[in-house]
Protein backbone atom coordinates (compact mmCIF):
# COMPACT_ATOMS: atom_id res chain seq x y z
CA MET A 1 -61.19 21.86 39.48
CA GLU A 2 -59.55 19.24 41.67
CA LYS A 3 -58.33 17.38 38.57
CA VAL A 4 -56.74 20.54 37.12
CA LEU A 5 -54.90 21.24 40.38
CA LEU A 6 -53.75 17.61 40.61
CA ILE A 7 -52.46 17.71 37.02
CA CYS A 8 -50.56 20.95 37.74
CA PHE A 9 -49.00 19.42 40.84
CA ILE A 10 -48.00 16.19 39.04
CA ILE A 11 -46.53 18.08 36.06
CA GLY A 12 -44.45 20.20 38.45
CA ILE A 13 -43.15 17.16 40.32
CA LEU A 14 -42.31 15.36 37.06
CA PHE A 15 -40.46 18.42 35.79
CA ALA A 16 -38.41 18.52 39.00
CA VAL A 17 -37.47 14.86 38.63
CA VAL A 18 -36.56 15.27 34.94
CA SER A 19 -34.52 18.39 35.77
CA VAL A 20 -32.53 16.48 38.37
CA LEU A 21 -31.82 13.72 35.85
CA LEU A 22 -31.01 15.97 32.87
CA GLY A 23 -29.41 18.89 34.72
CA ASP A 24 -29.66 22.30 33.04
CA PHE A 25 -31.09 20.98 29.76
CA PHE A 26 -34.33 22.94 30.09
CA ASP A 27 -32.72 26.16 31.32
CA ASP A 28 -30.15 26.17 28.49
CA SER A 29 -32.57 25.14 25.73
CA PHE A 30 -35.57 27.29 26.60
CA HIS A 31 -34.04 30.42 28.11
CA ILE A 32 -36.02 33.63 27.42
CA GLU A 33 -33.48 36.47 27.51
CA ALA A 34 -36.04 39.30 27.74
CA PHE A 35 -37.84 37.68 30.70
CA PRO A 36 -35.24 36.00 32.95
CA TYR A 37 -37.83 35.36 35.65
CA LEU A 38 -39.76 33.19 33.17
CA SER A 39 -37.23 30.38 33.24
CA PRO A 40 -38.46 26.80 33.07
CA THR A 41 -37.49 26.40 36.74
CA THR A 42 -39.66 29.29 37.92
CA ILE A 43 -42.58 28.26 35.71
CA ALA A 44 -42.41 24.71 37.06
CA ALA A 45 -42.18 26.01 40.64
CA PHE A 46 -45.26 28.17 40.07
CA ILE A 47 -47.26 25.28 38.61
CA THR A 48 -46.21 22.92 41.40
CA VAL A 49 -47.01 25.32 44.24
CA PHE A 50 -50.27 26.41 42.59
CA GLY A 51 -51.42 22.80 42.24
CA GLY A 52 -50.22 21.73 45.67
CA VAL A 53 -51.66 24.65 47.62
CA GLY A 54 -54.91 24.50 45.66
CA LEU A 55 -55.31 20.78 46.35
CA LEU A 56 -54.46 21.21 50.00
CA LEU A 57 -56.99 24.01 50.46
CA LEU A 58 -59.73 22.19 48.54
CA LYS A 59 -59.27 19.05 50.65
CA THR A 60 -58.82 20.64 54.10
CA THR A 61 -61.01 23.76 54.10
CA THR A 62 -64.54 24.79 53.24
CA LEU A 63 -63.43 27.80 51.20
CA ILE A 64 -65.15 28.47 47.90
CA THR A 65 -63.25 27.44 44.77
CA ALA A 66 -62.63 31.04 43.63
CA LEU A 67 -60.97 31.94 46.93
CA VAL A 68 -58.91 28.74 46.86
CA LEU A 69 -57.64 29.68 43.39
CA VAL A 70 -56.77 33.23 44.47
CA ILE A 71 -54.85 31.96 47.52
CA ALA A 72 -53.11 29.31 45.38
CA VAL A 73 -52.02 31.92 42.79
CA ILE A 74 -50.77 34.33 45.48
CA SER A 75 -48.89 31.51 47.24
CA ALA A 76 -47.35 30.35 43.96
CA LEU A 77 -46.27 33.89 43.07
CA ALA A 78 -44.72 34.40 46.51
CA VAL A 79 -42.79 31.11 46.48
CA THR A 80 -41.66 31.61 42.89
CA ALA A 81 -40.47 35.16 43.63
CA MET A 82 -38.51 33.94 46.66
CA LEU A 83 -36.99 31.12 44.58
CA PHE A 84 -35.99 33.55 41.84
CA PHE A 85 -34.55 36.32 44.04
CA LEU A 86 -32.97 34.16 46.76
CA VAL A 87 -31.66 31.22 44.71
CA ILE A 88 -31.73 31.55 40.92
CA LEU A 89 -30.57 35.16 40.57
CA PRO A 90 -27.63 34.93 43.04
CA LEU A 91 -26.44 31.66 41.48
CA SER A 92 -26.68 33.14 37.99
CA GLN A 93 -24.72 36.24 39.01
CA ALA A 94 -22.04 34.13 40.69
CA GLU A 95 -21.71 31.99 37.57
CA HIS A 96 -21.30 35.04 35.31
CA SER A 97 -18.83 36.78 37.61
CA ASP A 98 -16.71 33.62 37.84
CA ALA A 99 -16.64 33.30 34.05
CA GLY A 100 -15.59 36.95 33.72
CA PHE A 101 -12.88 36.47 36.32
CA GLN A 102 -11.50 33.46 34.47
CA HIS A 103 -11.08 35.47 31.28
CA GLU A 104 -9.12 38.08 33.24
CA MET A 105 -6.51 35.40 33.95
CA VAL A 106 -5.42 35.22 30.29
CA GLY A 107 -1.75 36.23 30.11
CA LYS A 108 -1.06 35.30 33.76
CA TYR A 109 1.25 32.53 34.93
CA ALA A 110 0.41 29.32 36.75
CA GLU A 111 2.00 26.07 37.89
CA VAL A 112 0.93 22.61 36.72
CA ILE A 113 -0.06 20.43 39.69
CA VAL A 114 -1.45 17.48 37.68
CA SER A 115 0.49 16.68 34.51
CA ILE A 116 -1.18 17.55 31.22
CA GLU A 117 -0.96 14.57 28.88
CA GLY A 118 -1.32 15.54 25.20
CA SER A 119 -4.93 16.51 24.55
CA SER A 120 -6.08 15.32 28.01
CA LYS A 121 -6.76 17.71 30.84
CA GLY A 122 -4.50 18.31 33.79
CA GLU A 123 -4.71 20.84 36.59
CA ILE A 124 -3.03 24.13 37.37
CA ILE A 125 -2.74 26.30 40.44
CA TYR A 126 -2.68 30.08 40.08
CA GLN A 127 -2.61 33.17 42.25
CA GLN A 128 -5.56 35.57 42.36
CA GLY A 129 -5.06 38.30 44.91
CA ALA A 130 -4.26 36.61 48.21
CA SER A 131 -5.81 33.32 47.14
CA ARG A 132 -4.30 30.33 45.40
CA LEU A 133 -6.87 28.63 43.19
CA ASN A 134 -6.79 25.54 41.05
CA ALA A 135 -8.55 24.77 37.77
CA PRO A 136 -8.59 22.22 34.94
CA ALA A 137 -6.12 22.96 32.16
CA GLN A 138 -5.26 21.78 28.69
CA SER A 139 -2.19 22.35 26.53
CA THR A 140 -2.56 24.73 23.55
CA GLU A 141 -0.88 22.37 21.12
CA GLY A 142 -1.43 19.05 22.85
CA HIS A 143 2.12 18.91 24.24
CA ARG A 144 2.88 17.09 27.47
CA ILE A 145 3.47 19.43 30.40
CA GLU A 146 4.90 17.92 33.56
CA ARG A 147 3.84 18.56 37.14
CA GLY A 148 5.73 21.53 38.62
CA GLU A 149 6.31 23.31 35.29
CA GLN A 150 5.35 26.96 34.86
CA VAL A 151 2.76 27.82 32.20
CA GLU A 152 1.08 30.88 30.77
CA ILE A 153 -2.72 30.97 30.52
CA THR A 154 -3.52 31.77 26.87
CA ALA A 155 -7.31 31.28 26.80
CA VAL A 156 -10.32 29.93 28.65
CA SER A 157 -12.76 27.49 27.08
CA GLY A 158 -15.77 26.16 28.96
CA GLY A 159 -14.16 26.66 32.36
CA THR A 160 -10.90 24.99 31.29
CA PHE A 161 -7.74 27.09 31.11
CA ILE A 162 -5.75 26.66 27.90
CA VAL A 163 -2.06 26.92 28.80
CA GLU A 164 1.31 27.06 27.13
CA LYS A 165 4.59 25.96 28.64
CA ILE A 166 6.97 28.81 29.43
CA ASN A 167 10.36 28.26 27.79
């Protein structure tokens, strides 16, 4: 049983390291829409905590193996639930609300604060309520737009505002 717990712990740690190096590759590629709590991140967290707590209890207590496994599963479920509800879910909701907000800006006006050079990105500043926000921007037709010029936001693509110079 000790080997199984050690393997679970090592797999979880390796997944964490690979996730840091590759970013959201696993979450984007293996997302299960019907079961959002079964994301690769939560599964890896469960496996890591299960293996770690199980190993710790086997090495430091005289509890029977069955009880160690029950405690390890309960601990892993508790940590995974906290991770999901306190970190993953709020971040996911913030990401979706920001994307929805960006699409609401289509048709609004902004000012270029970093010149847009042909097909390269520049930066705009725009008003949303009482806040002035900035975002990356690209020209609709690849035209150069100078700093200080007024533009209209015509679309949003991958977090970048597509803008058109106001004549």
